[in-house]
Amino acid sequence: MNRYTILIYTENFIGILNRITIIFTRRGINIDALTASESRLDGIHKITIECTVTEEQIVQLVKQIEKITDVIKAYYFMDSEVVYQEIALYKLPIDSLDASLEKVIRQYNAHIIAAEKEFVVVEFTGHKEDTQALLETLKPYSLLEFSRSGRVAIAKPRFSVSEYLNNQTL
């Protein structure tokens, strides 16, 4: 089993995400991370899904996803074929902010993005393993809350969904 990133380009219609996730559910495949956002093309949205499956499973998943009416195109990539990051936010009590915590924040190249009377919020961007390592390091500082985004990815191979669209006969 390998970790794959699926990039799906779609029109933004109600229920599209549900129709995509049902394909995973029917096959008993877990989605490790999911993000959705606008793409660089007006009216086209990009859904990024991270999952751990066999090569045969990923090929079948992408074929099924592309059968959905509102899906324009779907691609899959191994980790080595994408540039990807996640963002993590860590909420800590303000009284935890001391020299040792500041040292940890500097070591991880993280940033304090909010400081309130009762807490601070630290932001860190990296791979899941990196954000998880910082989570474990911050737990002894009375961590109040933690939130991590799904994977945000861009494919390394030179391709563009606009090139695909230009090659289609409408």
N, C-alpha and C. Protein backbone atom coordinates (compact mmCIF):
# COMPACT_ATOMS: atom_id res chain seq x y z
N MET A 1 0.85 -1.18 0.00
CA MET A 1 0.00 0.00 0.00
C MET A 1 0.90 1.24 0.00
N ASN A 2 0.47 2.23 -0.76
CA ASN A 2 1.20 3.49 -0.88
C ASN A 2 0.28 4.65 -0.56
N ARG A 3 0.88 5.76 -0.18
CA ARG A 3 0.12 6.98 0.05
C ARG A 3 0.03 7.74 -1.27
N TYR A 4 -1.19 8.12 -1.65
CA TYR A 4 -1.44 8.84 -2.89
C TYR A 4 -2.16 10.15 -2.61
N THR A 5 -1.97 11.09 -3.51
CA THR A 5 -2.72 12.33 -3.52
C THR A 5 -3.55 12.35 -4.78
N ILE A 6 -4.85 12.55 -4.63
CA ILE A 6 -5.76 12.66 -5.78
C ILE A 6 -6.14 14.12 -5.92
N LEU A 7 -5.93 14.67 -7.11
CA LEU A 7 -6.35 16.04 -7.41
C LEU A 7 -7.55 15.96 -8.33
N ILE A 8 -8.66 16.52 -7.90
CA ILE A 8 -9.92 16.45 -8.65
C ILE A 8 -10.34 17.86 -9.02
N TYR A 9 -10.59 18.08 -10.28
CA TYR A 9 -11.09 19.38 -10.76
C TYR A 9 -12.56 19.21 -11.10
N THR A 10 -13.37 20.11 -10.56
CA THR A 10 -14.81 19.95 -10.69
C THR A 10 -15.50 21.31 -10.72
N GLU A 11 -16.71 21.30 -11.20
CA GLU A 11 -17.54 22.47 -11.04
C GLU A 11 -18.07 22.43 -9.61
N ASN A 12 -18.39 23.56 -9.06
CA ASN A 12 -18.79 23.63 -7.66
C ASN A 12 -20.30 23.49 -7.50
N PHE A 13 -20.77 22.26 -7.55
CA PHE A 13 -22.19 22.00 -7.39
C PHE A 13 -22.46 21.35 -6.04
N ILE A 14 -23.62 21.63 -5.49
CA ILE A 14 -24.03 21.05 -4.22
C ILE A 14 -24.02 19.53 -4.32
N GLY A 15 -23.42 18.89 -3.33
CA GLY A 15 -23.42 17.43 -3.27
C GLY A 15 -22.25 16.75 -3.96
N ILE A 16 -21.40 17.50 -4.65
CA ILE A 16 -20.29 16.87 -5.38
C ILE A 16 -19.33 16.17 -4.42
N LEU A 17 -19.04 16.80 -3.31
CA LEU A 17 -18.14 16.19 -2.34
C LEU A 17 -18.72 14.90 -1.78
N ASN A 18 -20.00 14.90 -1.53
CA ASN A 18 -20.68 13.69 -1.05
C ASN A 18 -20.58 12.56 -2.08
N ARG A 19 -20.81 12.88 -3.33
CA ARG A 19 -20.75 11.85 -4.37
C ARG A 19 -19.34 11.28 -4.50
N ILE A 20 -18.33 12.12 -4.29
CA ILE A 20 -16.95 11.64 -4.36
C ILE A 20 -16.63 10.75 -3.16
N THR A 21 -16.99 11.19 -1.96
CA THR A 21 -16.65 10.41 -0.76
C THR A 21 -17.40 9.07 -0.71
N ILE A 22 -18.58 9.00 -1.30
CA ILE A 22 -19.32 7.73 -1.35
C ILE A 22 -18.52 6.66 -2.09
N ILE A 23 -17.77 7.06 -3.09
CA ILE A 23 -16.94 6.10 -3.83
C ILE A 23 -15.94 5.43 -2.89
N PHE A 24 -15.36 6.20 -1.97
CA PHE A 24 -14.42 5.65 -1.00
C PHE A 24 -15.15 4.76 0.00
N THR A 25 -16.30 5.22 0.47
CA THR A 25 -17.07 4.48 1.46
C THR A 25 -17.48 3.11 0.93
N ARG A 26 -17.97 3.07 -0.30
CA ARG A 26 -18.41 1.80 -0.90
C ARG A 26 -17.27 0.79 -1.00
N ARG A 27 -16.05 1.27 -1.13
CA ARG A 27 -14.89 0.39 -1.27
C ARG A 27 -14.20 0.13 0.07
N GLY A 28 -14.70 0.75 1.14
CA GLY A 28 -14.09 0.57 2.45
C GLY A 28 -12.71 1.20 2.55
N ILE A 29 -12.51 2.31 1.83
CA ILE A 29 -11.22 3.00 1.82
C ILE A 29 -11.34 4.28 2.64
N ASN A 30 -10.40 4.46 3.55
CA ASN A 30 -10.39 5.63 4.40
C ASN A 30 -9.74 6.82 3.69
N ILE A 31 -10.32 7.98 3.84
CA ILE A 31 -9.72 9.22 3.35
C ILE A 31 -8.88 9.76 4.50
N ASP A 32 -7.57 9.88 4.28
CA ASP A 32 -6.67 10.36 5.33
C ASP A 32 -6.76 11.87 5.51
N ALA A 33 -6.97 12.60 4.42
CA ALA A 33 -7.11 14.06 4.48
C ALA A 33 -7.86 14.52 3.24
N LEU A 34 -8.60 15.62 3.40
CA LEU A 34 -9.39 16.14 2.29
C LEU A 34 -9.43 17.66 2.39
N THR A 35 -9.17 18.34 1.29
CA THR A 35 -9.33 19.79 1.23
C THR A 35 -10.03 20.15 -0.07
N ALA A 36 -10.73 21.25 -0.04
CA ALA A 36 -11.42 21.74 -1.24
C ALA A 36 -11.23 23.25 -1.30
N SER A 37 -11.01 23.75 -2.51
CA SER A 37 -10.81 25.18 -2.67
C SER A 37 -11.04 25.57 -4.12
N GLU A 38 -11.03 26.87 -4.36
CA GLU A 38 -11.08 27.35 -5.73
C GLU A 38 -9.78 26.97 -6.42
N SER A 39 -9.81 26.87 -7.73
CA SER A 39 -8.57 26.68 -8.48
C SER A 39 -8.23 28.00 -9.15
N ARG A 40 -7.22 28.01 -9.97
CA ARG A 40 -6.85 29.25 -10.65
C ARG A 40 -7.81 29.60 -11.77
N LEU A 41 -8.67 28.64 -12.17
CA LEU A 41 -9.64 28.87 -13.24
C LEU A 41 -10.99 29.25 -12.66
N ASP A 42 -11.59 30.31 -13.18
CA ASP A 42 -12.90 30.74 -12.69
C ASP A 42 -13.93 29.62 -12.84
N GLY A 43 -14.68 29.38 -11.77
CA GLY A 43 -15.75 28.39 -11.81
C GLY A 43 -15.29 26.95 -11.62
N ILE A 44 -13.99 26.73 -11.52
CA ILE A 44 -13.45 25.37 -11.35
C ILE A 44 -12.88 25.27 -9.93
N HIS A 45 -13.26 24.22 -9.23
CA HIS A 45 -12.76 23.98 -7.88
C HIS A 45 -11.84 22.77 -7.88
N LYS A 46 -10.96 22.75 -6.90
CA LYS A 46 -9.98 21.67 -6.78
C LYS A 46 -10.20 20.97 -5.45
N ILE A 47 -10.34 19.67 -5.51
CA ILE A 47 -10.47 18.85 -4.31
C ILE A 47 -9.21 18.00 -4.23
N THR A 48 -8.57 18.02 -3.07
CA THR A 48 -7.35 17.24 -2.85
C THR A 48 -7.66 16.19 -1.80
N ILE A 49 -7.41 14.93 -2.15
CA ILE A 49 -7.68 13.82 -1.24
C ILE A 49 -6.39 13.02 -1.06
N GLU A 50 -6.08 12.73 0.19
CA GLU A 50 -4.94 11.88 0.52
C GLU A 50 -5.48 10.54 1.01
N CYS A 51 -4.94 9.46 0.47
CA CYS A 51 -5.37 8.13 0.92
C CYS A 51 -4.22 7.14 0.77
N THR A 52 -4.32 6.03 1.48
CA THR A 52 -3.33 4.98 1.43
C THR A 52 -4.00 3.74 0.86
N VAL A 53 -3.61 3.38 -0.36
CA VAL A 53 -4.24 2.27 -1.09
C VAL A 53 -3.21 1.57 -1.98
N THR A 54 -3.66 0.51 -2.63
CA THR A 54 -2.80 -0.16 -3.60
C THR A 54 -2.89 0.58 -4.94
N GLU A 55 -1.97 0.29 -5.85
CA GLU A 55 -2.00 0.92 -7.16
C GLU A 55 -3.28 0.56 -7.91
N GLU A 56 -3.71 -0.67 -7.79
CA GLU A 56 -4.95 -1.10 -8.43
C GLU A 56 -6.15 -0.32 -7.89
N GLN A 57 -6.19 -0.12 -6.58
CA GLN A 57 -7.29 0.62 -5.98
C GLN A 57 -7.31 2.08 -6.43
N ILE A 58 -6.13 2.72 -6.50
CA ILE A 58 -6.10 4.13 -6.89
C ILE A 58 -6.56 4.31 -8.32
N VAL A 59 -6.18 3.40 -9.20
CA VAL A 59 -6.61 3.48 -10.60
C VAL A 59 -8.13 3.38 -10.67
N GLN A 60 -8.72 2.45 -9.95
CA GLN A 60 -10.17 2.27 -9.95
C GLN A 60 -10.89 3.46 -9.32
N LEU A 61 -10.34 3.98 -8.23
CA LEU A 61 -10.95 5.16 -7.58
C LEU A 61 -11.03 6.33 -8.55
N VAL A 62 -9.93 6.63 -9.22
CA VAL A 62 -9.90 7.78 -10.13
C VAL A 62 -10.85 7.55 -11.31
N LYS A 63 -10.92 6.34 -11.83
CA LYS A 63 -11.86 6.04 -12.92
C LYS A 63 -13.30 6.30 -12.47
N GLN A 64 -13.64 5.84 -11.26
CA GLN A 64 -15.00 6.05 -10.74
C GLN A 64 -15.28 7.52 -10.49
N ILE A 65 -14.31 8.24 -9.95
CA ILE A 65 -14.48 9.67 -9.69
C ILE A 65 -14.75 10.41 -10.99
N GLU A 66 -14.01 10.06 -12.04
CA GLU A 66 -14.18 10.75 -13.33
C GLU A 66 -15.53 10.45 -13.99
N LYS A 67 -16.22 9.42 -13.54
CA LYS A 67 -17.55 9.12 -14.07
C LYS A 67 -18.63 10.06 -13.52
N ILE A 68 -18.32 10.75 -12.43
CA ILE A 68 -19.28 11.68 -11.85
C ILE A 68 -19.46 12.85 -12.82
N THR A 69 -20.69 13.18 -13.10
CA THR A 69 -21.03 14.18 -14.12
C THR A 69 -20.30 15.49 -13.95
N ASP A 70 -20.22 16.03 -12.75
CA ASP A 70 -19.65 17.36 -12.55
C ASP A 70 -18.13 17.36 -12.38
N VAL A 71 -17.50 16.19 -12.43
CA VAL A 71 -16.04 16.12 -12.35
C VAL A 71 -15.46 16.36 -13.73
N ILE A 72 -14.55 17.30 -13.81
CA ILE A 72 -13.91 17.63 -15.08
C ILE A 72 -12.76 16.67 -15.36
N LYS A 73 -11.88 16.51 -14.36
CA LYS A 73 -10.73 15.61 -14.53
C LYS A 73 -10.18 15.29 -13.15
N ALA A 74 -9.65 14.07 -12.99
CA ALA A 74 -9.01 13.66 -11.75
C ALA A 74 -7.65 13.04 -12.08
N TYR A 75 -6.69 13.31 -11.23
CA TYR A 75 -5.33 12.79 -11.39
C TYR A 75 -4.91 12.17 -10.06
N TYR A 76 -4.00 11.21 -10.10
CA TYR A 76 -3.44 10.70 -8.86
C TYR A 76 -1.92 10.72 -8.94
N PHE A 77 -1.30 10.93 -7.77
CA PHE A 77 0.14 11.05 -7.69
C PHE A 77 0.65 10.39 -6.42
N MET A 78 1.85 9.85 -6.49
CA MET A 78 2.54 9.38 -5.29
C MET A 78 3.14 10.61 -4.60
N ASP A 79 3.53 10.47 -3.33
CA ASP A 79 4.07 11.60 -2.58
C ASP A 79 5.26 12.25 -3.29
N SER A 80 6.09 11.46 -3.94
CA SER A 80 7.28 12.00 -4.61
C SER A 80 6.93 12.85 -5.83
N GLU A 81 5.69 12.78 -6.28
CA GLU A 81 5.27 13.50 -7.48
C GLU A 81 4.49 14.79 -7.19
N VAL A 82 4.38 15.14 -5.90
CA VAL A 82 3.66 16.36 -5.53
C VAL A 82 4.47 17.16 -4.51
N VAL A 83 4.23 18.45 -4.51
CA VAL A 83 4.72 19.32 -3.45
C VAL A 83 3.50 19.55 -2.56
N TYR A 84 3.63 19.23 -1.28
CA TYR A 84 2.47 19.32 -0.41
C TYR A 84 2.85 19.82 0.98
N GLN A 85 1.88 20.41 1.64
CA GLN A 85 2.03 20.92 2.99
C GLN A 85 0.70 20.84 3.71
N GLU A 86 0.76 20.95 5.01
CA GLU A 86 -0.42 21.10 5.85
C GLU A 86 -0.15 22.24 6.81
N ILE A 87 -1.19 22.86 7.29
CA ILE A 87 -1.04 23.91 8.29
C ILE A 87 -1.65 23.39 9.59
N ALA A 88 -0.98 23.70 10.68
CA ALA A 88 -1.48 23.27 11.99
C ALA A 88 -1.52 24.48 12.92
N LEU A 89 -2.54 24.52 13.75
CA LEU A 89 -2.69 25.56 14.76
C LEU A 89 -2.71 24.90 16.14
N TYR A 90 -1.98 25.48 17.06
CA TYR A 90 -1.85 24.96 18.41
C TYR A 90 -2.23 26.09 19.38
N LYS A 91 -3.18 25.83 20.25
CA LYS A 91 -3.64 26.83 21.22
C LYS A 91 -3.09 26.43 22.59
N LEU A 92 -2.36 27.37 23.21
CA LEU A 92 -1.71 27.10 24.49
C LEU A 92 -2.09 28.18 25.50
N PRO A 93 -2.17 27.85 26.78
CA PRO A 93 -2.46 28.87 27.78
C PRO A 93 -1.34 29.91 27.82
N ILE A 94 -1.70 31.15 28.02
CA ILE A 94 -0.71 32.24 28.01
C ILE A 94 0.36 32.02 29.06
N ASP A 95 0.01 31.40 30.20
CA ASP A 95 1.01 31.19 31.25
C ASP A 95 2.02 30.08 30.90
N SER A 96 1.79 29.37 29.79
CA SER A 96 2.77 28.39 29.32
C SER A 96 3.88 29.05 28.52
N LEU A 97 3.67 30.29 28.14
CA LEU A 97 4.63 31.00 27.30
C LEU A 97 5.83 31.43 28.15
N ASP A 98 6.87 30.62 28.09
CA ASP A 98 8.10 30.92 28.81
C ASP A 98 9.28 30.71 27.86
N ALA A 99 10.47 30.82 28.37
CA ALA A 99 11.67 30.71 27.52
C ALA A 99 11.78 29.35 26.84
N SER A 100 11.39 28.27 27.53
CA SER A 100 11.51 26.94 26.92
C SER A 100 10.50 26.75 25.79
N LEU A 101 9.28 27.29 25.94
CA LEU A 101 8.28 27.21 24.88
C LEU A 101 8.71 28.06 23.69
N GLU A 102 9.23 29.25 23.97
CA GLU A 102 9.71 30.10 22.88
C GLU A 102 10.83 29.41 22.11
N LYS A 103 11.67 28.68 22.81
CA LYS A 103 12.77 27.94 22.16
C LYS A 103 12.20 26.86 21.24
N VAL A 104 11.17 26.15 21.69
CA VAL A 104 10.52 25.12 20.86
C VAL A 104 9.92 25.75 19.61
N ILE A 105 9.25 26.87 19.77
CA ILE A 105 8.63 27.56 18.64
C ILE A 105 9.69 27.96 17.62
N ARG A 106 10.82 28.48 18.08
CA ARG A 106 11.92 28.85 17.17
C ARG A 106 12.52 27.62 16.50
N GLN A 107 12.73 26.54 17.25
CA GLN A 107 13.32 25.32 16.69
C GLN A 107 12.49 24.77 15.53
N TYR A 108 11.18 24.86 15.65
CA TYR A 108 10.29 24.35 14.61
C TYR A 108 9.99 25.40 13.53
N ASN A 109 10.53 26.60 13.72
CA ASN A 109 10.25 27.70 12.79
C ASN A 109 8.74 27.97 12.70
N ALA A 110 8.09 27.86 13.85
CA ALA A 110 6.66 28.14 13.95
C ALA A 110 6.49 29.61 14.31
N HIS A 111 5.23 30.06 14.32
CA HIS A 111 4.97 31.48 14.57
C HIS A 111 3.78 31.63 15.51
N ILE A 112 3.87 32.60 16.40
CA ILE A 112 2.71 32.97 17.21
C ILE A 112 1.88 33.91 16.35
N ILE A 113 0.64 33.51 16.05
CA ILE A 113 -0.19 34.33 15.18
C ILE A 113 -1.31 35.06 15.93
N ALA A 114 -1.51 34.69 17.20
CA ALA A 114 -2.51 35.39 18.02
C ALA A 114 -2.08 35.28 19.48
N ALA A 115 -2.21 36.39 20.17
CA ALA A 115 -1.92 36.41 21.61
C ALA A 115 -3.08 37.12 22.29
N GLU A 116 -3.79 36.38 23.11
CA GLU A 116 -4.93 36.92 23.85
C GLU A 116 -4.60 36.91 25.34
N LYS A 117 -5.53 37.39 26.16
CA LYS A 117 -5.30 37.41 27.60
C LYS A 117 -5.04 36.01 28.17
N GLU A 118 -5.78 35.04 27.65
CA GLU A 118 -5.72 33.71 28.25
C GLU A 118 -4.95 32.67 27.44
N PHE A 119 -4.65 32.96 26.18
CA PHE A 119 -3.99 31.96 25.35
C PHE A 119 -3.19 32.58 24.22
N VAL A 120 -2.32 31.74 23.62
CA VAL A 120 -1.62 32.10 22.39
C VAL A 120 -1.93 31.02 21.37
N VAL A 121 -1.89 31.39 20.08
CA VAL A 121 -2.06 30.42 19.01
C VAL A 121 -0.78 30.40 18.19
N VAL A 122 -0.25 29.20 18.04
CA VAL A 122 0.98 28.98 17.29
C VAL A 122 0.60 28.34 15.97
N GLU A 123 1.19 28.83 14.88
CA GLU A 123 0.94 28.28 13.53
C GLU A 123 2.22 27.64 13.03
N PHE A 124 2.06 26.47 12.41
CA PHE A 124 3.20 25.75 11.84
C PHE A 124 2.76 25.07 10.55
N THR A 125 3.59 25.19 9.53
CA THR A 125 3.31 24.57 8.24
C THR A 125 4.37 23.51 7.97
N GLY A 126 3.92 22.33 7.52
CA GLY A 126 4.86 21.25 7.21
C GLY A 126 4.11 20.01 6.79
N HIS A 127 4.84 18.92 6.68
CA HIS A 127 4.22 17.64 6.39
C HIS A 127 3.54 17.12 7.66
N LYS A 128 2.64 16.18 7.50
CA LYS A 128 1.87 15.66 8.64
C LYS A 128 2.79 15.17 9.76
N GLU A 129 3.87 14.51 9.39
CA GLU A 129 4.82 14.00 10.40
C GLU A 129 5.43 15.15 11.20
N ASP A 130 5.69 16.27 10.55
CA ASP A 130 6.28 17.42 11.22
C ASP A 130 5.28 18.09 12.16
N THR A 131 4.05 18.28 11.68
CA THR A 131 3.04 18.91 12.53
C THR A 131 2.68 18.01 13.71
N GLN A 132 2.74 16.70 13.49
CA GLN A 132 2.49 15.74 14.57
C GLN A 132 3.61 15.78 15.61
N ALA A 133 4.84 15.90 15.14
CA ALA A 133 5.99 15.97 16.06
C ALA A 133 5.88 17.21 16.95
N LEU A 134 5.49 18.34 16.37
CA LEU A 134 5.32 19.55 17.18
C LEU A 134 4.16 19.37 18.16
N LEU A 135 3.11 18.71 17.73
CA LEU A 135 1.98 18.43 18.64
C LEU A 135 2.47 17.67 19.87
N GLU A 136 3.24 16.63 19.65
CA GLU A 136 3.75 15.83 20.78
C GLU A 136 4.66 16.66 21.67
N THR A 137 5.45 17.53 21.07
CA THR A 137 6.37 18.38 21.84
C THR A 137 5.60 19.40 22.68
N LEU A 138 4.47 19.89 22.16
CA LEU A 138 3.70 20.93 22.87
C LEU A 138 2.74 20.38 23.93
N LYS A 139 2.45 19.10 23.90
CA LYS A 139 1.51 18.54 24.87
C LYS A 139 1.89 18.83 26.34
N PRO A 140 3.16 18.73 26.71
CA PRO A 140 3.52 19.04 28.11
C PRO A 140 3.31 20.51 28.51
N TYR A 141 3.08 21.37 27.55
CA TYR A 141 2.83 22.79 27.84
C TYR A 141 1.34 23.08 28.04
N SER A 142 0.56 22.08 28.40
CA SER A 142 -0.88 22.21 28.65
C SER A 142 -1.65 22.63 27.41
N LEU A 143 -1.34 21.99 26.31
CA LEU A 143 -1.99 22.28 25.03
C LEU A 143 -3.51 22.28 25.21
N LEU A 144 -4.16 23.35 24.77
CA LEU A 144 -5.62 23.48 24.93
C LEU A 144 -6.37 22.95 23.71
N GLU A 145 -5.82 23.20 22.53
CA GLU A 145 -6.53 22.84 21.31
C GLU A 145 -5.53 22.65 20.19
N PHE A 146 -5.90 21.81 19.23
CA PHE A 146 -5.06 21.52 18.08
C PHE A 146 -5.95 21.34 16.86
N SER A 147 -5.53 21.90 15.75
CA SER A 147 -6.27 21.72 14.51
C SER A 147 -5.27 21.65 13.35
N ARG A 148 -5.48 20.70 12.46
CA ARG A 148 -4.60 20.53 11.30
C ARG A 148 -5.44 20.49 10.04
N SER A 149 -4.99 21.18 9.02
CA SER A 149 -5.71 21.16 7.74
C SER A 149 -5.44 19.85 7.03
N GLY A 150 -6.15 19.63 5.97
CA GLY A 150 -5.82 18.54 5.08
C GLY A 150 -4.66 18.95 4.19
N ARG A 151 -4.24 18.04 3.38
CA ARG A 151 -3.12 18.26 2.48
C ARG A 151 -3.48 19.27 1.40
N VAL A 152 -2.59 20.20 1.17
CA VAL A 152 -2.68 21.12 0.04
C VAL A 152 -1.52 20.73 -0.87
N ALA A 153 -1.82 20.44 -2.15
CA ALA A 153 -0.78 19.88 -3.01
C ALA A 153 -0.82 20.47 -4.41
N ILE A 154 0.35 20.49 -5.01
CA ILE A 154 0.52 20.85 -6.41
C ILE A 154 1.38 19.77 -7.04
N ALA A 155 0.97 19.30 -8.21
CA ALA A 155 1.69 18.24 -8.90
C ALA A 155 3.02 18.74 -9.44
N LYS A 156 4.06 17.90 -9.36
CA LYS A 156 5.35 18.25 -9.93
C LYS A 156 5.36 18.12 -11.46
N PRO A 157 4.73 17.07 -12.01
CA PRO A 157 4.74 16.97 -13.47
C PRO A 157 4.09 18.21 -14.09
N ARG A 158 4.63 18.65 -15.21
CA ARG A 158 4.06 19.82 -15.88
C ARG A 158 2.79 19.42 -16.59
N PHE A 159 1.70 19.87 -16.07
CA PHE A 159 0.40 19.66 -16.69
C PHE A 159 -0.50 20.76 -16.17
N SER A 160 -1.60 20.92 -16.80
CA SER A 160 -2.55 21.94 -16.36
C SER A 160 -3.93 21.49 -16.75
N VAL A 161 -4.87 21.68 -15.87
CA VAL A 161 -6.25 21.32 -16.20
C VAL A 161 -6.76 22.18 -17.34
N SER A 162 -6.23 23.40 -17.48
CA SER A 162 -6.65 24.24 -18.61
C SER A 162 -6.19 23.65 -19.93
N GLU A 163 -5.00 23.02 -19.95
CA GLU A 163 -4.54 22.32 -21.16
C GLU A 163 -5.49 21.17 -21.49
N TYR A 164 -5.90 20.45 -20.46
CA TYR A 164 -6.85 19.36 -20.67
C TYR A 164 -8.16 19.89 -21.26
N LEU A 165 -8.66 20.98 -20.68
CA LEU A 165 -9.91 21.56 -21.16
C LEU A 165 -9.78 22.04 -22.61
N ASN A 166 -8.66 22.62 -22.96
CA ASN A 166 -8.44 23.12 -24.31
C ASN A 166 -8.40 21.97 -25.34
N ASN A 167 -8.02 20.78 -24.90
CA ASN A 167 -7.94 19.62 -25.79
C ASN A 167 -9.26 18.88 -25.94
N GLN A 168 -10.25 19.26 -25.14
CA GLN A 168 -11.55 18.58 -25.20
C GLN A 168 -12.43 19.23 -26.24
N THR A 169 -13.18 18.43 -26.91
CA THR A 169 -14.17 18.96 -27.87
C THR A 169 -15.48 19.11 -27.14
N LEU A 170 -15.97 20.31 -27.11
CA LEU A 170 -17.21 20.58 -26.36
C LEU A 170 -18.42 20.50 -27.26
